[in-house]
């Protein structure tokens, strides 16, 4: 059984990665913060007494389910707002996908040209990630950024290991093609 301090340490450790994962999925930093906070609360309230070794899988599953729940709620809301949109003239759907990038570290020894090139490369990669279908993006992030194996990713995504491999393969090929067209080689 985990202590309160072990739970707090785990949450502090995964906070930034979970935020980035949610931001990639939602394209909105404020929503991503809310989703991560909800996932952390669900973990601590429902599973806080579980062994520490179970926290990573539980948290990833809770985070992914919370993101899916948000999309389900949005789908219902969008259905109603679409039906009622004829009655309003408000078009406030502008969002900047580049806002999901973490602020650069302030290091005075960094050469400005190199920093600019790095920022541009990150922007291209970010845009390429956003262009992936949600399941491919989810599989790619879990496998290659969160460094989870196929079985863990399949459990979190609620699909077979073969589906995870297919999603990852398609994501890698699509990303490679997009980045190649942008002049980046891996």
Protein backbone atom coordinates (compact mmCIF):
# COMPACT_ATOMS: atom_id res chain seq x y z
CA UNK A 1 0.00 0.00 0.00
CA UNK A 2 1.28 3.41 -0.95
CA UNK A 3 1.78 6.23 1.49
CA UNK A 4 0.55 9.75 0.85
CA UNK A 5 4.14 10.85 0.21
CA UNK A 6 4.69 8.11 -2.38
CA UNK A 7 1.50 9.13 -4.16
CA UNK A 8 2.56 12.79 -4.09
CA UNK A 9 6.01 11.88 -5.44
CA UNK A 10 4.48 9.86 -8.26
CA UNK A 11 2.10 12.65 -9.23
CA UNK A 12 4.91 15.21 -9.21
CA UNK A 13 6.99 12.92 -11.40
CA UNK A 14 4.33 12.41 -14.09
CA UNK A 15 2.76 15.87 -14.02
CA UNK A 16 4.62 17.45 -16.96
CA UNK A 17 4.48 14.36 -19.18
CA UNK A 18 0.76 13.95 -18.51
CA UNK A 19 0.17 17.62 -19.33
CA UNK A 20 2.01 17.33 -22.64
CA UNK A 21 0.14 14.16 -23.50
CA UNK A 22 -3.21 15.81 -22.77
CA UNK A 23 -2.19 18.98 -24.61
CA UNK A 24 -1.33 16.95 -27.72
CA UNK A 25 -4.67 15.20 -27.55
CA UNK A 26 -6.81 18.26 -26.79
CA UNK A 27 -4.96 21.11 -28.55
CA UNK A 28 -5.75 23.35 -25.58
CA UNK A 29 -3.45 23.98 -22.60
CA UNK A 30 -6.25 25.03 -20.25
CA UNK A 31 -8.32 21.95 -20.99
CA UNK A 32 -5.21 19.79 -20.70
CA UNK A 33 -4.52 21.17 -17.22
CA UNK A 34 -8.10 20.41 -16.18
CA UNK A 35 -7.94 16.89 -17.60
CA UNK A 36 -4.63 16.13 -15.85
CA UNK A 37 -5.96 17.52 -12.59
CA UNK A 38 -9.10 15.37 -12.88
CA UNK A 39 -7.00 12.28 -13.65
CA UNK A 40 -4.75 12.94 -10.67
CA UNK A 41 -7.75 13.37 -8.39
CA UNK A 42 -9.35 10.16 -9.66
CA UNK A 43 -6.11 8.26 -9.07
CA UNK A 44 -5.68 9.58 -5.55
CA UNK A 45 -9.34 9.14 -4.56
CA UNK A 46 -9.98 5.71 -6.06
CA UNK A 47 -6.57 4.05 -6.17
CA UNK A 48 -4.39 5.96 -3.71
CA UNK A 49 -4.01 2.96 -1.44
CA UNK A 50 -2.79 0.62 -4.19
CA UNK A 51 0.89 -0.37 -4.40
CA UNK A 52 3.15 2.25 -5.98
CA UNK A 53 4.11 -0.16 -8.76
CA UNK A 54 0.53 -0.04 -10.07
CA UNK A 55 0.36 3.76 -10.31
CA UNK A 56 1.90 4.23 -13.80
CA UNK A 57 -0.54 1.89 -15.56
CA UNK A 58 -3.53 3.07 -13.54
CA UNK A 59 -2.73 6.72 -14.12
CA UNK A 60 -2.23 6.31 -17.87
CA UNK A 61 -5.52 4.45 -18.15
CA UNK A 62 -7.34 7.09 -16.09
CA UNK A 63 -5.77 9.90 -18.13
CA UNK A 64 -6.72 8.31 -21.47
CA UNK A 65 -10.25 7.60 -20.27
CA UNK A 66 -10.62 11.17 -19.01
CA UNK A 67 -9.52 12.49 -22.42
CA UNK A 68 -11.98 10.16 -24.17
CA UNK A 69 -14.76 11.25 -21.80
CA UNK A 70 -14.03 14.86 -22.69
CA UNK A 71 -14.33 14.08 -26.41
CA UNK A 72 -17.59 12.22 -25.82
CA UNK A 73 -19.03 15.19 -23.93
CA UNK A 74 -17.80 17.54 -26.65
CA UNK A 75 -19.47 15.44 -29.32
CA UNK A 76 -22.81 15.75 -27.53
CA UNK A 77 -22.31 19.47 -26.94
CA UNK A 78 -21.28 20.03 -30.55
CA UNK A 79 -24.39 18.27 -31.75
CA UNK A 80 -26.57 20.69 -29.83
CA UNK A 81 -24.52 23.77 -30.66
CA UNK A 82 -24.55 22.82 -34.34
CA UNK A 83 -28.30 22.54 -34.25
CA UNK A 84 -28.58 25.89 -32.49
CA UNK A 85 -25.80 27.66 -34.42
CA UNK A 86 -28.26 29.20 -36.86
CA UNK A 87 -29.42 31.42 -34.01
CA UNK A 88 -26.00 32.90 -33.24
CA UNK A 89 -23.18 34.59 -35.14
CA UNK A 90 -20.38 33.74 -32.69
CA UNK A 91 -17.35 32.08 -34.36
CA UNK A 92 -14.87 31.78 -31.50
CA UNK A 93 -13.10 28.54 -32.43
CA UNK A 94 -9.60 29.95 -32.87
CA UNK A 95 -6.83 27.98 -31.17
CA UNK A 96 -3.10 27.98 -31.59
CA UNK A 97 -1.62 24.46 -31.70
CA UNK A 98 1.83 25.88 -31.02
CA UNK A 99 0.74 26.93 -27.54
CA UNK A 100 1.24 23.33 -26.42
CA UNK A 101 5.02 23.64 -26.68
CA UNK A 102 6.77 23.96 -23.37
CA UNK A 103 8.52 27.30 -22.82
CA UNK A 104 12.21 27.12 -23.70
CA UNK A 105 14.71 26.92 -20.86
CA UNK A 106 16.49 30.18 -20.29
CA UNK A 107 20.10 29.36 -21.02
CA UNK A 108 22.26 32.33 -21.96
CA UNK A 109 24.90 30.06 -23.54
CA UNK A 110 22.48 28.93 -26.28
CA UNK A 111 23.24 30.35 -29.68
CA UNK A 112 20.18 32.23 -30.95
CA UNK A 113 20.34 30.69 -34.42
CA UNK A 114 20.50 27.18 -32.96
CA UNK A 115 17.61 27.98 -30.60
CA UNK A 116 15.55 29.30 -33.52
CA UNK A 117 16.27 26.17 -35.55
CA UNK A 118 15.32 23.97 -32.61
CA UNK A 119 12.09 25.91 -32.04
CA UNK A 120 11.18 25.65 -35.73
CA UNK A 121 11.90 21.91 -35.72
CA UNK A 122 9.74 21.43 -32.62
CA UNK A 123 6.94 23.40 -34.26
CA UNK A 124 7.10 21.18 -37.36
CA UNK A 125 7.06 18.01 -35.23
CA UNK A 126 4.21 19.38 -33.12
CA UNK A 127 2.17 20.15 -36.22
CA UNK A 128 2.91 16.70 -37.63
CA UNK A 129 1.77 15.07 -34.39
CA UNK A 130 -1.47 17.04 -34.43
CA UNK A 131 -2.17 15.84 -37.96
CA UNK A 132 -2.20 12.19 -36.88
CA UNK A 133 -5.52 10.48 -36.16
CA UNK A 134 -6.19 10.37 -32.39
CA UNK A 135 -5.58 6.63 -31.92
CA UNK A 136 -2.30 6.75 -33.86
CA UNK A 137 -1.18 9.80 -31.89
CA UNK A 138 -2.11 8.10 -28.61
CA UNK A 139 -0.24 4.90 -29.50
CA UNK A 140 2.80 6.83 -30.72
CA UNK A 141 3.04 8.98 -27.58
CA UNK A 142 2.56 6.08 -25.20
CA UNK A 143 5.04 3.82 -26.98
CA UNK A 144 7.80 6.21 -27.94
CA UNK A 145 7.51 9.18 -25.58
CA UNK A 146 6.23 7.43 -22.48
CA UNK A 147 8.47 4.42 -23.30
CA UNK A 148 5.78 1.84 -22.62
CA UNK A 149 5.85 -1.61 -24.11
CA UNK A 150 3.20 -2.95 -26.47
CA UNK A 151 1.27 -4.80 -23.76
CA UNK A 152 1.07 -1.76 -21.46
CA UNK A 153 0.00 0.46 -24.34
CA UNK A 154 -2.67 -2.04 -25.40
CA UNK A 155 -4.02 -2.18 -21.86
CA UNK A 156 -4.18 1.61 -21.59
CA UNK A 157 -5.76 2.06 -25.01
CA UNK A 158 -8.19 -0.80 -24.49
CA UNK A 159 -7.25 -2.63 -27.69
CA UNK A 160 -5.17 -5.60 -28.82
CA UNK A 161 -1.40 -5.60 -29.06
CA UNK A 162 -1.70 -6.02 -32.82
CA UNK A 163 -3.77 -2.83 -33.02
CA UNK A 164 -1.11 -0.96 -31.06
CA UNK A 165 1.57 -2.18 -33.47
CA UNK A 166 -0.57 -1.15 -36.44
CA UNK A 167 -1.30 2.31 -35.00
CA UNK A 168 2.39 2.86 -34.18
CA UNK A 169 3.57 1.72 -37.58
CA UNK A 170 1.12 3.95 -39.39
CA UNK A 171 1.99 6.89 -37.13
CA UNK A 172 5.73 6.47 -37.71
CA UNK A 173 5.30 6.21 -41.48
CA UNK A 174 2.98 9.22 -41.59
CA UNK A 175 5.26 11.32 -39.38
CA UNK A 176 8.33 10.36 -41.41
CA UNK A 177 6.59 11.36 -44.64
CA UNK A 178 5.38 14.68 -43.21
CA UNK A 179 8.80 15.51 -41.81
CA UNK A 180 10.54 14.47 -45.03
CA UNK A 181 8.26 16.87 -46.97
CA UNK A 182 9.28 19.61 -44.51
CA UNK A 183 12.96 18.95 -45.18
CA UNK A 184 13.71 17.09 -41.94
CA UNK A 185 15.41 13.71 -42.05
CA UNK A 186 15.64 11.30 -39.18
